């Protein structure tokens, strides 16, 4: 505690990252925690945050399961463990997108939570692919990133592909194996449709 009554917080040095993938989140959040285990150093401390009024609607066990499965799969596939010290996933009100993969701090829109509704397989697939998509960005998008915005598709397309790859190949995600690619076939038409517009651009 400083002499004038202010509390002083000291943070470790930030690794070299692109300036557009950092976030500061503050508020009256509660959280669920998956504690760091020294026996598995490739898995960092993980928390899932939400406003206290929405904590009951966060299916944290399934989100942790997908995250752990994705970390193991990506580590094996890329030959490099998760590259940062922690991994927070935060459900924030009025977020401008469904998900944003900032370094070690993924933000989701609260609207993606299941609040007193019937949770269909389709809704769970959307949440799982989003979770794994944003996790994939920790390797490409955050650890490395495109040189300029005209190659943004490299980040986004690969992250989407990797999310479906985990859902169809990771043993822990077996319950999604048969249906994930059916969902992929549905979602790819959004890209096909956009590619027909006059606003499309060459890759």
N, C-alpha and C. Protein backbone atom coordinates (compact mmCIF):
# COMPACT_ATOMS: atom_id res chain seq x y z
N UNK A 1 0.85 -1.19 0.00
CA UNK A 1 0.00 0.00 0.00
C UNK A 1 0.89 1.24 0.00
N UNK A 2 0.66 2.12 -0.95
CA UNK A 2 1.44 3.37 -1.03
C UNK A 2 1.02 4.30 0.11
N UNK A 3 1.89 5.26 0.41
CA UNK A 3 1.68 6.15 1.55
C UNK A 3 0.41 6.99 1.39
N UNK A 4 0.03 7.32 0.17
CA UNK A 4 -1.14 8.17 -0.04
C UNK A 4 -2.45 7.38 -0.07
N UNK A 5 -2.40 6.10 0.25
CA UNK A 5 -3.61 5.30 0.30
C UNK A 5 -3.92 4.52 -0.96
N UNK A 6 -3.17 4.76 -2.02
CA UNK A 6 -3.38 4.03 -3.26
C UNK A 6 -2.69 2.68 -3.19
N UNK A 7 -3.27 1.69 -3.86
CA UNK A 7 -2.67 0.37 -3.96
C UNK A 7 -1.82 0.31 -5.22
N UNK A 8 -0.62 -0.20 -5.11
CA UNK A 8 0.29 -0.29 -6.25
C UNK A 8 0.33 -1.74 -6.74
N UNK A 9 0.05 -1.94 -8.01
CA UNK A 9 0.10 -3.27 -8.62
C UNK A 9 1.27 -3.31 -9.60
N UNK A 10 2.08 -4.34 -9.51
CA UNK A 10 3.23 -4.50 -10.39
C UNK A 10 3.00 -5.74 -11.26
N UNK A 11 3.08 -5.56 -12.57
CA UNK A 11 2.82 -6.66 -13.50
C UNK A 11 4.12 -7.09 -14.16
N UNK A 12 4.23 -8.37 -14.52
CA UNK A 12 5.43 -8.83 -15.22
C UNK A 12 5.51 -8.23 -16.62
N UNK A 13 6.67 -8.26 -17.21
CA UNK A 13 6.85 -7.70 -18.55
C UNK A 13 5.97 -8.45 -19.55
N UNK A 14 5.39 -7.70 -20.47
CA UNK A 14 4.54 -8.27 -21.51
C UNK A 14 5.41 -8.77 -22.65
N UNK A 15 5.12 -9.97 -23.17
CA UNK A 15 5.89 -10.43 -24.33
C UNK A 15 5.64 -9.55 -25.54
N UNK A 16 6.50 -9.62 -26.53
CA UNK A 16 6.31 -8.83 -27.74
C UNK A 16 5.06 -9.32 -28.48
N UNK A 17 4.09 -8.44 -28.62
CA UNK A 17 2.84 -8.79 -29.30
C UNK A 17 2.41 -7.64 -30.20
N UNK A 18 1.55 -7.95 -31.15
CA UNK A 18 0.95 -6.91 -31.98
C UNK A 18 0.04 -6.05 -31.11
N UNK A 19 0.00 -4.76 -31.36
CA UNK A 19 -0.73 -3.84 -30.48
C UNK A 19 -2.24 -4.02 -30.53
N UNK A 20 -2.77 -4.63 -31.59
CA UNK A 20 -4.22 -4.73 -31.71
C UNK A 20 -4.80 -5.94 -30.97
N UNK A 21 -3.96 -6.77 -30.35
CA UNK A 21 -4.47 -7.98 -29.70
C UNK A 21 -4.24 -7.95 -28.19
N UNK A 22 -4.34 -6.78 -27.60
CA UNK A 22 -4.30 -6.69 -26.15
C UNK A 22 -5.63 -6.14 -25.66
N UNK A 23 -5.98 -6.48 -24.43
CA UNK A 23 -7.26 -6.03 -23.88
C UNK A 23 -7.11 -5.74 -22.39
N UNK A 24 -7.88 -4.79 -21.92
CA UNK A 24 -8.00 -4.51 -20.48
C UNK A 24 -9.48 -4.65 -20.14
N UNK A 25 -9.79 -5.56 -19.23
CA UNK A 25 -11.18 -5.80 -18.85
C UNK A 25 -11.32 -5.55 -17.35
N UNK A 26 -12.30 -4.75 -16.98
CA UNK A 26 -12.51 -4.44 -15.57
C UNK A 26 -14.00 -4.46 -15.26
N UNK A 27 -14.33 -4.85 -14.05
CA UNK A 27 -15.73 -4.85 -13.66
C UNK A 27 -15.97 -5.80 -12.50
N UNK A 28 -17.19 -5.87 -12.04
CA UNK A 28 -17.53 -6.74 -10.91
C UNK A 28 -17.73 -8.19 -11.37
N UNK A 29 -16.64 -8.82 -11.80
CA UNK A 29 -16.73 -10.17 -12.35
C UNK A 29 -16.49 -11.24 -11.29
N UNK A 30 -17.19 -12.34 -11.45
CA UNK A 30 -16.87 -13.55 -10.72
C UNK A 30 -16.19 -14.49 -11.68
N UNK A 31 -15.69 -15.62 -11.21
CA UNK A 31 -15.01 -16.52 -12.14
C UNK A 31 -15.01 -17.96 -11.66
N UNK A 32 -14.78 -18.84 -12.63
CA UNK A 32 -14.51 -20.25 -12.38
C UNK A 32 -13.05 -20.47 -12.73
N UNK A 33 -12.39 -21.36 -12.00
CA UNK A 33 -10.95 -21.52 -12.20
C UNK A 33 -10.56 -22.97 -12.43
N UNK A 34 -9.68 -23.16 -13.39
CA UNK A 34 -9.01 -24.44 -13.56
C UNK A 34 -7.57 -24.20 -13.14
N UNK A 35 -7.20 -24.71 -11.98
CA UNK A 35 -5.92 -24.35 -11.38
C UNK A 35 -4.74 -24.94 -12.15
N UNK A 36 -3.66 -24.20 -12.14
CA UNK A 36 -2.43 -24.64 -12.77
C UNK A 36 -1.87 -25.86 -12.04
N UNK A 37 -1.49 -26.86 -12.81
CA UNK A 37 -0.90 -28.07 -12.26
C UNK A 37 0.55 -28.15 -12.71
N UNK A 38 1.53 -28.08 -11.79
CA UNK A 38 2.94 -28.13 -12.18
C UNK A 38 3.31 -29.40 -12.95
N UNK A 39 2.48 -30.46 -12.80
CA UNK A 39 2.76 -31.70 -13.52
C UNK A 39 2.44 -31.59 -15.00
N UNK A 40 1.62 -30.60 -15.36
CA UNK A 40 1.29 -30.36 -16.77
C UNK A 40 1.59 -28.90 -17.10
N UNK A 41 2.87 -28.53 -17.19
CA UNK A 41 3.24 -27.13 -17.38
C UNK A 41 2.77 -26.53 -18.70
N UNK A 42 2.40 -27.38 -19.66
CA UNK A 42 1.91 -26.86 -20.94
C UNK A 42 0.52 -26.25 -20.81
N UNK A 43 -0.18 -26.56 -19.71
CA UNK A 43 -1.52 -26.02 -19.48
C UNK A 43 -1.41 -24.90 -18.44
N UNK A 44 -1.70 -23.66 -18.81
CA UNK A 44 -1.56 -22.54 -17.88
C UNK A 44 -2.73 -22.43 -16.92
N UNK A 45 -2.65 -21.47 -16.01
CA UNK A 45 -3.81 -21.15 -15.18
C UNK A 45 -4.93 -20.66 -16.09
N UNK A 46 -6.13 -21.17 -15.87
CA UNK A 46 -7.26 -20.77 -16.71
C UNK A 46 -8.44 -20.35 -15.84
N UNK A 47 -9.08 -19.28 -16.27
CA UNK A 47 -10.29 -18.81 -15.61
C UNK A 47 -11.34 -18.43 -16.65
N UNK A 48 -12.60 -18.59 -16.27
CA UNK A 48 -13.71 -18.13 -17.08
C UNK A 48 -14.47 -17.11 -16.25
N UNK A 49 -14.55 -15.89 -16.74
CA UNK A 49 -15.15 -14.78 -16.00
C UNK A 49 -16.52 -14.43 -16.56
N UNK A 50 -17.34 -13.89 -15.70
CA UNK A 50 -18.62 -13.34 -16.10
C UNK A 50 -19.13 -12.44 -14.99
N UNK A 51 -20.04 -11.54 -15.35
CA UNK A 51 -20.66 -10.74 -14.29
C UNK A 51 -21.35 -11.69 -13.32
N UNK A 52 -21.37 -11.34 -12.07
CA UNK A 52 -21.95 -12.23 -11.05
C UNK A 52 -23.40 -12.57 -11.36
N UNK A 53 -24.09 -11.68 -12.04
CA UNK A 53 -25.50 -11.92 -12.35
C UNK A 53 -25.68 -12.97 -13.45
N UNK A 54 -24.61 -13.31 -14.18
CA UNK A 54 -24.76 -14.29 -15.26
C UNK A 54 -23.92 -15.55 -15.03
N UNK A 55 -23.20 -15.63 -13.91
CA UNK A 55 -22.33 -16.79 -13.65
C UNK A 55 -23.09 -18.11 -13.75
N UNK A 56 -24.32 -18.11 -13.27
CA UNK A 56 -25.10 -19.36 -13.25
C UNK A 56 -25.40 -19.87 -14.66
N UNK A 57 -25.26 -19.01 -15.67
CA UNK A 57 -25.56 -19.42 -17.04
C UNK A 57 -24.31 -19.83 -17.82
N UNK A 58 -23.15 -19.78 -17.20
CA UNK A 58 -21.91 -20.16 -17.88
C UNK A 58 -21.67 -21.66 -17.70
N UNK A 59 -21.71 -22.40 -18.76
CA UNK A 59 -21.45 -23.85 -18.70
C UNK A 59 -19.94 -24.09 -18.70
N UNK A 60 -19.33 -23.70 -17.58
CA UNK A 60 -17.87 -23.64 -17.48
C UNK A 60 -17.21 -25.00 -17.63
N UNK A 61 -17.85 -26.05 -17.17
CA UNK A 61 -17.21 -27.37 -17.26
C UNK A 61 -17.01 -27.80 -18.71
N UNK A 62 -18.01 -27.57 -19.55
CA UNK A 62 -17.88 -27.93 -20.96
C UNK A 62 -16.88 -27.02 -21.67
N UNK A 63 -16.88 -25.74 -21.32
CA UNK A 63 -15.93 -24.80 -21.93
C UNK A 63 -14.50 -25.15 -21.53
N UNK A 64 -14.29 -25.48 -20.26
CA UNK A 64 -12.95 -25.92 -19.83
C UNK A 64 -12.55 -27.20 -20.57
N UNK A 65 -13.49 -28.13 -20.71
CA UNK A 65 -13.18 -29.38 -21.39
C UNK A 65 -12.74 -29.13 -22.83
N UNK A 66 -13.45 -28.27 -23.55
CA UNK A 66 -13.09 -27.95 -24.92
C UNK A 66 -11.74 -27.24 -24.98
N UNK A 67 -11.52 -26.32 -24.04
CA UNK A 67 -10.26 -25.57 -24.01
C UNK A 67 -9.08 -26.49 -23.76
N UNK A 68 -9.19 -27.37 -22.77
CA UNK A 68 -8.11 -28.30 -22.48
C UNK A 68 -7.86 -29.25 -23.64
N UNK A 69 -8.93 -29.71 -24.26
CA UNK A 69 -8.80 -30.58 -25.42
C UNK A 69 -8.09 -29.85 -26.55
N UNK A 70 -8.48 -28.59 -26.78
CA UNK A 70 -7.86 -27.80 -27.84
C UNK A 70 -6.40 -27.51 -27.57
N UNK A 71 -6.06 -27.20 -26.32
CA UNK A 71 -4.66 -26.92 -25.99
C UNK A 71 -3.78 -28.15 -26.26
N UNK A 72 -4.28 -29.30 -25.87
CA UNK A 72 -3.52 -30.53 -26.10
C UNK A 72 -3.38 -30.79 -27.60
N UNK A 73 -4.48 -30.64 -28.33
CA UNK A 73 -4.46 -30.92 -29.76
C UNK A 73 -3.53 -29.95 -30.50
N UNK A 74 -3.65 -28.66 -30.22
CA UNK A 74 -2.82 -27.67 -30.90
C UNK A 74 -1.35 -27.83 -30.53
N UNK A 75 -1.08 -28.15 -29.27
CA UNK A 75 0.31 -28.35 -28.84
C UNK A 75 0.94 -29.50 -29.63
N UNK A 76 0.21 -30.60 -29.76
CA UNK A 76 0.73 -31.75 -30.51
C UNK A 76 0.86 -31.43 -32.00
N UNK A 77 -0.13 -30.73 -32.55
CA UNK A 77 -0.15 -30.45 -33.99
C UNK A 77 0.92 -29.45 -34.39
N UNK A 78 1.07 -28.38 -33.61
CA UNK A 78 2.02 -27.32 -33.97
C UNK A 78 3.41 -27.56 -33.41
N UNK A 79 3.54 -28.53 -32.49
CA UNK A 79 4.85 -28.80 -31.90
C UNK A 79 5.32 -27.70 -30.99
N UNK A 80 4.37 -26.94 -30.44
CA UNK A 80 4.71 -25.84 -29.53
C UNK A 80 3.60 -25.69 -28.51
N UNK A 81 3.92 -25.69 -27.22
CA UNK A 81 2.87 -25.56 -26.21
C UNK A 81 2.24 -24.17 -26.22
N UNK A 82 1.14 -24.05 -25.52
CA UNK A 82 0.47 -22.74 -25.39
C UNK A 82 1.51 -21.69 -25.02
N UNK A 83 1.58 -20.58 -25.75
CA UNK A 83 2.72 -19.67 -25.63
C UNK A 83 2.66 -18.57 -24.57
N UNK A 84 1.58 -18.49 -23.80
CA UNK A 84 1.46 -17.39 -22.84
C UNK A 84 1.26 -17.91 -21.41
N UNK A 85 1.32 -17.01 -20.43
CA UNK A 85 1.35 -17.42 -19.01
C UNK A 85 0.00 -17.82 -18.45
N UNK A 86 -1.08 -17.29 -19.02
CA UNK A 86 -2.42 -17.58 -18.49
C UNK A 86 -3.40 -17.60 -19.64
N UNK A 87 -4.61 -18.06 -19.35
CA UNK A 87 -5.65 -18.06 -20.38
C UNK A 87 -6.99 -17.75 -19.72
N UNK A 88 -7.48 -16.54 -19.94
CA UNK A 88 -8.76 -16.10 -19.40
C UNK A 88 -9.79 -16.03 -20.52
N UNK A 89 -11.01 -16.45 -20.21
CA UNK A 89 -12.14 -16.32 -21.13
C UNK A 89 -13.22 -15.52 -20.41
N UNK A 90 -13.64 -14.44 -21.01
CA UNK A 90 -14.49 -13.48 -20.32
C UNK A 90 -15.77 -13.21 -21.12
N UNK A 91 -16.91 -13.41 -20.47
CA UNK A 91 -18.20 -13.06 -21.07
C UNK A 91 -18.53 -11.62 -20.65
N UNK A 92 -18.52 -10.73 -21.62
CA UNK A 92 -18.69 -9.30 -21.34
C UNK A 92 -20.00 -8.79 -21.94
N UNK A 93 -20.64 -7.85 -21.28
CA UNK A 93 -21.87 -7.28 -21.84
C UNK A 93 -21.55 -6.35 -23.01
N UNK A 94 -22.40 -6.37 -24.01
CA UNK A 94 -22.30 -5.44 -25.15
C UNK A 94 -20.95 -5.52 -25.87
N UNK A 95 -20.36 -6.70 -25.89
CA UNK A 95 -19.14 -6.88 -26.68
C UNK A 95 -19.50 -6.76 -28.15
N UNK A 96 -18.60 -6.22 -28.95
CA UNK A 96 -18.92 -5.91 -30.35
C UNK A 96 -18.86 -7.13 -31.25
N UNK A 97 -18.35 -8.26 -30.75
CA UNK A 97 -18.27 -9.45 -31.59
C UNK A 97 -18.58 -10.69 -30.76
N UNK A 98 -18.79 -11.81 -31.45
CA UNK A 98 -19.05 -13.05 -30.73
C UNK A 98 -17.87 -13.49 -29.91
N UNK A 99 -16.65 -13.24 -30.42
CA UNK A 99 -15.44 -13.59 -29.70
C UNK A 99 -14.26 -12.80 -30.24
N UNK A 100 -13.29 -12.51 -29.37
CA UNK A 100 -12.08 -11.80 -29.78
C UNK A 100 -10.90 -12.42 -29.05
N UNK A 101 -9.94 -12.95 -29.82
CA UNK A 101 -8.81 -13.67 -29.24
C UNK A 101 -7.63 -12.80 -28.90
N UNK A 102 -7.78 -11.94 -27.91
CA UNK A 102 -6.63 -11.16 -27.43
C UNK A 102 -5.63 -12.09 -26.74
N UNK A 103 -4.40 -11.63 -26.58
CA UNK A 103 -3.36 -12.47 -25.97
C UNK A 103 -3.76 -12.87 -24.55
N UNK A 104 -3.99 -14.16 -24.33
CA UNK A 104 -4.30 -14.66 -22.99
C UNK A 104 -5.60 -14.18 -22.41
N UNK A 105 -6.43 -13.50 -23.21
CA UNK A 105 -7.67 -12.91 -22.69
C UNK A 105 -8.70 -12.86 -23.81
N UNK A 106 -9.47 -13.92 -23.92
CA UNK A 106 -10.51 -13.98 -24.94
C UNK A 106 -11.79 -13.38 -24.39
N UNK A 107 -12.41 -12.52 -25.17
CA UNK A 107 -13.69 -11.93 -24.75
C UNK A 107 -14.80 -12.48 -25.63
N UNK A 108 -15.94 -12.78 -24.99
CA UNK A 108 -17.13 -13.25 -25.69
C UNK A 108 -18.28 -12.32 -25.36
N UNK A 109 -19.24 -12.25 -26.25
CA UNK A 109 -20.45 -11.49 -25.99
C UNK A 109 -21.35 -12.31 -25.05
N UNK A 110 -21.87 -11.67 -24.02
CA UNK A 110 -22.79 -12.34 -23.10
C UNK A 110 -23.99 -12.96 -23.80
N UNK A 111 -24.34 -12.41 -24.96
CA UNK A 111 -25.50 -12.92 -25.68
C UNK A 111 -25.33 -14.37 -26.11
N UNK A 112 -24.09 -14.87 -26.09
CA UNK A 112 -23.85 -16.26 -26.49
C UNK A 112 -24.13 -17.26 -25.37
N UNK A 113 -24.43 -16.76 -24.17
CA UNK A 113 -24.74 -17.65 -23.05
C UNK A 113 -26.13 -18.25 -23.20
N UNK A 114 -26.32 -19.43 -22.64
CA UNK A 114 -27.61 -20.10 -22.67
C UNK A 114 -28.38 -19.71 -21.41
N UNK A 115 -29.34 -18.83 -21.54
CA UNK A 115 -30.07 -18.34 -20.37
C UNK A 115 -31.50 -18.87 -20.36
N UNK A 116 -31.70 -19.96 -19.64
CA UNK A 116 -33.03 -20.52 -19.49
C UNK A 116 -33.65 -21.03 -20.77
N UNK A 117 -32.83 -21.37 -21.76
CA UNK A 117 -33.35 -21.83 -23.04
C UNK A 117 -33.02 -23.31 -23.25
N UNK A 118 -33.68 -23.92 -24.18
CA UNK A 118 -33.35 -25.30 -24.53
C UNK A 118 -32.04 -25.28 -25.31
N UNK A 119 -31.04 -25.99 -24.80
CA UNK A 119 -29.72 -25.97 -25.42
C UNK A 119 -29.64 -27.12 -26.42
N UNK A 120 -29.72 -26.78 -27.69
CA UNK A 120 -29.68 -27.78 -28.74
C UNK A 120 -28.24 -28.12 -29.08
N UNK A 121 -28.06 -29.22 -29.81
CA UNK A 121 -26.73 -29.60 -30.28
C UNK A 121 -26.15 -28.51 -31.17
N UNK A 122 -27.00 -27.91 -31.99
CA UNK A 122 -26.54 -26.83 -32.87
C UNK A 122 -25.97 -25.66 -32.09
N UNK A 123 -26.65 -25.26 -31.00
CA UNK A 123 -26.16 -24.14 -30.19
C UNK A 123 -24.85 -24.49 -29.50
N UNK A 124 -24.72 -25.74 -29.06
CA UNK A 124 -23.49 -26.16 -28.41
C UNK A 124 -22.34 -26.21 -29.41
N UNK A 125 -22.62 -26.61 -30.65
CA UNK A 125 -21.58 -26.62 -31.68
C UNK A 125 -21.09 -25.21 -31.97
N UNK A 126 -22.00 -24.25 -32.01
CA UNK A 126 -21.60 -22.85 -32.23
C UNK A 126 -20.67 -22.40 -31.10
N UNK A 127 -21.03 -22.70 -29.86
CA UNK A 127 -20.20 -22.28 -28.73
C UNK A 127 -18.85 -22.99 -28.73
N UNK A 128 -18.83 -24.29 -29.03
CA UNK A 128 -17.58 -25.04 -29.01
C UNK A 128 -16.64 -24.59 -30.13
N UNK A 129 -17.19 -24.35 -31.34
CA UNK A 129 -16.32 -23.90 -32.42
C UNK A 129 -15.78 -22.50 -32.14
N UNK A 130 -16.59 -21.65 -31.53
CA UNK A 130 -16.10 -20.31 -31.16
C UNK A 130 -14.99 -20.42 -30.13
N UNK A 131 -15.19 -21.26 -29.12
CA UNK A 131 -14.18 -21.45 -28.07
C UNK A 131 -12.85 -21.92 -28.68
N UNK A 132 -12.91 -22.91 -29.56
CA UNK A 132 -11.70 -23.48 -30.16
C UNK A 132 -11.10 -22.56 -31.22
N UNK A 133 -11.93 -21.79 -31.91
CA UNK A 133 -11.46 -20.80 -32.87
C UNK A 133 -10.59 -19.75 -32.17
N UNK A 134 -11.12 -19.19 -31.06
CA UNK A 134 -10.37 -18.15 -30.35
C UNK A 134 -9.10 -18.72 -29.71
N UNK A 135 -9.16 -19.96 -29.24
CA UNK A 135 -7.96 -20.59 -28.69
C UNK A 135 -6.89 -20.75 -29.77
N UNK A 136 -7.28 -21.12 -30.98
CA UNK A 136 -6.33 -21.29 -32.07
C UNK A 136 -5.58 -20.00 -32.35
N UNK A 137 -6.24 -18.86 -32.14
CA UNK A 137 -5.59 -17.57 -32.38
C UNK A 137 -4.38 -17.33 -31.47
N UNK A 138 -4.31 -18.05 -30.35
CA UNK A 138 -3.15 -17.86 -29.48
C UNK A 138 -1.86 -18.26 -30.20
N UNK A 139 -1.96 -19.20 -31.13
CA UNK A 139 -0.79 -19.62 -31.90
C UNK A 139 -0.63 -18.77 -33.16
N UNK A 140 -1.65 -18.71 -34.00
CA UNK A 140 -1.54 -17.87 -35.19
C UNK A 140 -2.62 -16.80 -35.14
N UNK A 141 -2.12 -15.58 -35.07
CA UNK A 141 -2.96 -14.42 -34.81
C UNK A 141 -2.35 -13.64 -33.66
N UNK A 142 -1.83 -14.37 -32.63
CA UNK A 142 -1.24 -13.72 -31.46
C UNK A 142 0.26 -14.00 -31.35
N UNK A 143 0.65 -15.27 -31.30
CA UNK A 143 2.09 -15.60 -31.27
C UNK A 143 2.75 -15.10 -32.55
N UNK A 144 2.14 -15.37 -33.67
CA UNK A 144 2.54 -14.80 -34.95
C UNK A 144 1.29 -14.19 -35.57
N UNK A 145 1.46 -13.20 -36.40
CA UNK A 145 0.30 -12.58 -37.02
C UNK A 145 0.66 -12.12 -38.42
N UNK A 146 -0.37 -11.74 -39.18
CA UNK A 146 -0.13 -11.34 -40.57
C UNK A 146 0.60 -10.01 -40.61
N UNK A 147 1.32 -9.79 -41.70
CA UNK A 147 2.09 -8.56 -41.84
C UNK A 147 1.17 -7.36 -42.06
N UNK A 148 0.07 -7.58 -42.78
CA UNK A 148 -0.86 -6.48 -43.05
C UNK A 148 -2.27 -7.03 -43.17
N UNK A 149 -3.27 -6.15 -43.11
CA UNK A 149 -4.67 -6.56 -42.99
C UNK A 149 -5.19 -7.32 -44.19
N UNK A 150 -4.54 -7.18 -45.35
CA UNK A 150 -5.04 -7.92 -46.51
C UNK A 150 -4.81 -9.43 -46.39
N UNK A 151 -4.06 -9.84 -45.37
CA UNK A 151 -3.88 -11.27 -45.12
C UNK A 151 -4.61 -11.73 -43.86
N UNK A 152 -5.60 -10.97 -43.44
CA UNK A 152 -6.36 -11.33 -42.24
C UNK A 152 -7.02 -12.70 -42.38
N UNK A 153 -7.35 -13.08 -43.62
CA UNK A 153 -7.98 -14.39 -43.85
C UNK A 153 -7.11 -15.53 -43.32
N UNK A 154 -5.77 -15.33 -43.29
CA UNK A 154 -4.88 -16.36 -42.77
C UNK A 154 -5.18 -16.66 -41.31
N UNK A 155 -5.44 -15.61 -40.55
CA UNK A 155 -5.81 -15.80 -39.14
C UNK A 155 -7.18 -16.47 -39.02
N UNK A 156 -8.16 -15.87 -39.67
CA UNK A 156 -9.54 -16.28 -39.43
C UNK A 156 -9.89 -17.62 -40.07
N UNK A 157 -9.48 -17.83 -41.30
CA UNK A 157 -9.82 -19.09 -41.96
C UNK A 157 -9.17 -20.28 -41.28
N UNK A 158 -7.90 -20.14 -40.92
CA UNK A 158 -7.22 -21.24 -40.26
C UNK A 158 -7.81 -21.51 -38.88
N UNK A 159 -8.17 -20.45 -38.15
CA UNK A 159 -8.74 -20.64 -36.82
C UNK A 159 -10.07 -21.40 -36.91
N UNK A 160 -10.87 -21.06 -37.90
CA UNK A 160 -12.13 -21.77 -38.09
C UNK A 160 -11.88 -23.22 -38.46
N UNK A 161 -10.97 -23.45 -39.39
CA UNK A 161 -10.65 -24.82 -39.80
C UNK A 161 -10.16 -25.64 -38.60
N UNK A 162 -9.27 -25.06 -37.80
CA UNK A 162 -8.71 -25.78 -36.65
C UNK A 162 -9.78 -26.12 -35.62
N UNK A 163 -10.75 -25.23 -35.44
CA UNK A 163 -11.80 -25.51 -34.46
C UNK A 163 -12.60 -26.75 -34.86
N UNK A 164 -12.89 -26.88 -36.14
CA UNK A 164 -13.62 -28.06 -36.61
C UNK A 164 -12.74 -29.31 -36.57
N UNK A 165 -11.44 -29.13 -36.79
CA UNK A 165 -10.53 -30.26 -36.74
C UNK A 165 -10.50 -30.87 -35.34
N UNK A 166 -10.45 -30.02 -34.32
CA UNK A 166 -10.47 -30.52 -32.93
C UNK A 166 -11.77 -31.27 -32.65
N UNK A 167 -12.89 -30.68 -33.09
CA UNK A 167 -14.19 -31.29 -32.80
C UNK A 167 -14.37 -32.63 -33.50
N UNK A 168 -13.65 -32.86 -34.59
CA UNK A 168 -13.82 -34.12 -35.32
C UNK A 168 -12.72 -35.14 -35.03
N UNK A 169 -11.62 -34.71 -34.37
CA UNK A 169 -10.50 -35.63 -34.16
C UNK A 169 -10.09 -35.83 -32.71
N UNK A 170 -10.28 -34.83 -31.85
CA UNK A 170 -9.84 -34.96 -30.46
C UNK A 170 -10.70 -35.99 -29.73
N UNK A 171 -10.07 -36.95 -29.05
CA UNK A 171 -10.85 -37.99 -28.35
C UNK A 171 -11.85 -37.42 -27.34
N UNK A 172 -11.48 -36.33 -26.68
CA UNK A 172 -12.35 -35.75 -25.65
C UNK A 172 -13.63 -35.16 -26.26
N UNK A 173 -13.61 -34.88 -27.55
CA UNK A 173 -14.76 -34.27 -28.23
C UNK A 173 -15.55 -35.28 -29.05
N UNK A 174 -15.45 -36.54 -28.67
CA UNK A 174 -16.05 -37.62 -29.46
C UNK A 174 -17.53 -37.41 -29.73
N UNK A 175 -18.25 -36.83 -28.79
CA UNK A 175 -19.69 -36.66 -28.96
C UNK A 175 -20.03 -35.70 -30.11
N UNK A 176 -19.04 -34.93 -30.58
CA UNK A 176 -19.27 -34.00 -31.68
C UNK A 176 -18.72 -34.52 -33.02
N UNK A 177 -18.04 -35.65 -33.01
CA UNK A 177 -17.34 -36.11 -34.21
C UNK A 177 -18.25 -36.22 -35.44
N UNK A 178 -19.42 -36.77 -35.25
CA UNK A 178 -20.28 -37.04 -36.41
C UNK A 178 -21.03 -35.82 -36.92
N UNK A 179 -21.18 -34.82 -36.09
CA UNK A 179 -22.02 -33.68 -36.47
C UNK A 179 -21.24 -32.41 -36.80
N UNK A 180 -19.97 -32.32 -36.39
CA UNK A 180 -19.21 -31.07 -36.57
C UNK A 180 -19.07 -30.69 -38.03
N UNK A 181 -18.75 -31.66 -38.91
CA UNK A 181 -18.56 -31.32 -40.32
C UNK A 181 -19.88 -30.99 -41.00
N UNK A 182 -20.99 -31.53 -40.49
CA UNK A 182 -22.29 -31.12 -41.03
C UNK A 182 -22.53 -29.65 -40.74
N UNK A 183 -22.16 -29.22 -39.54
CA UNK A 183 -22.27 -27.80 -39.19
C UNK A 183 -21.33 -26.97 -40.05
N UNK A 184 -20.13 -27.48 -40.30
CA UNK A 184 -19.17 -26.78 -41.15
C UNK A 184 -19.76 -26.55 -42.55
N UNK A 185 -20.42 -27.56 -43.09
CA UNK A 185 -21.02 -27.42 -44.42
C UNK A 185 -22.04 -26.30 -44.44
N UNK A 186 -22.75 -26.11 -43.33
CA UNK A 186 -23.73 -25.03 -43.25
C UNK A 186 -23.04 -23.67 -43.19
N UNK A 187 -22.01 -23.59 -42.36
CA UNK A 187 -21.38 -22.28 -42.14
C UNK A 187 -20.56 -21.81 -43.34
N UNK A 188 -20.02 -22.73 -44.12
CA UNK A 188 -19.15 -22.31 -45.22
C UNK A 188 -19.90 -21.53 -46.29
N UNK A 189 -21.23 -21.69 -46.33
CA UNK A 189 -21.99 -20.98 -47.34
C UNK A 189 -22.01 -19.47 -47.08
N UNK A 190 -21.76 -19.07 -45.84
CA UNK A 190 -21.63 -17.63 -45.58
C UNK A 190 -20.45 -17.06 -46.34
N UNK A 191 -19.33 -17.78 -46.34
CA UNK A 191 -18.16 -17.34 -47.09
C UNK A 191 -18.38 -17.41 -48.59
N UNK A 192 -19.03 -18.46 -49.04
CA UNK A 192 -19.32 -18.60 -50.48
C UNK A 192 -20.21 -17.46 -50.95
N UNK A 193 -21.21 -17.13 -50.14
CA UNK A 193 -22.13 -16.04 -50.50
C UNK A 193 -21.39 -14.71 -50.55
N UNK A 194 -20.54 -14.44 -49.53
CA UNK A 194 -19.79 -13.18 -49.51
C UNK A 194 -18.85 -13.07 -50.70
N UNK A 195 -18.32 -14.21 -51.15
CA UNK A 195 -17.35 -14.20 -52.25
C UNK A 195 -18.03 -13.85 -53.59
N UNK A 196 -19.34 -13.91 -53.65
CA UNK A 196 -20.05 -13.58 -54.89
C UNK A 196 -20.36 -12.09 -55.00
N UNK A 197 -20.16 -11.35 -53.91
CA UNK A 197 -20.53 -9.94 -53.92
C UNK A 197 -19.47 -9.08 -54.60
N UNK A 198 -19.88 -7.89 -55.01
CA UNK A 198 -18.93 -6.98 -55.67
C UNK A 198 -17.87 -6.46 -54.70
N UNK A 199 -18.14 -6.60 -53.39
CA UNK A 199 -17.19 -6.12 -52.38
C UNK A 199 -16.08 -7.13 -52.08
N UNK A 200 -16.13 -8.32 -52.68
CA UNK A 200 -15.10 -9.31 -52.42
C UNK A 200 -13.76 -8.84 -53.00
N UNK A 201 -12.67 -9.45 -52.54
CA UNK A 201 -11.35 -9.05 -53.02
C UNK A 201 -10.50 -10.29 -53.20
N UNK A 202 -9.53 -10.23 -54.09
CA UNK A 202 -8.68 -11.42 -54.33
C UNK A 202 -7.81 -11.72 -53.13
N UNK A 203 -7.52 -13.00 -52.94
CA UNK A 203 -6.65 -13.45 -51.87
C UNK A 203 -5.24 -13.62 -52.43
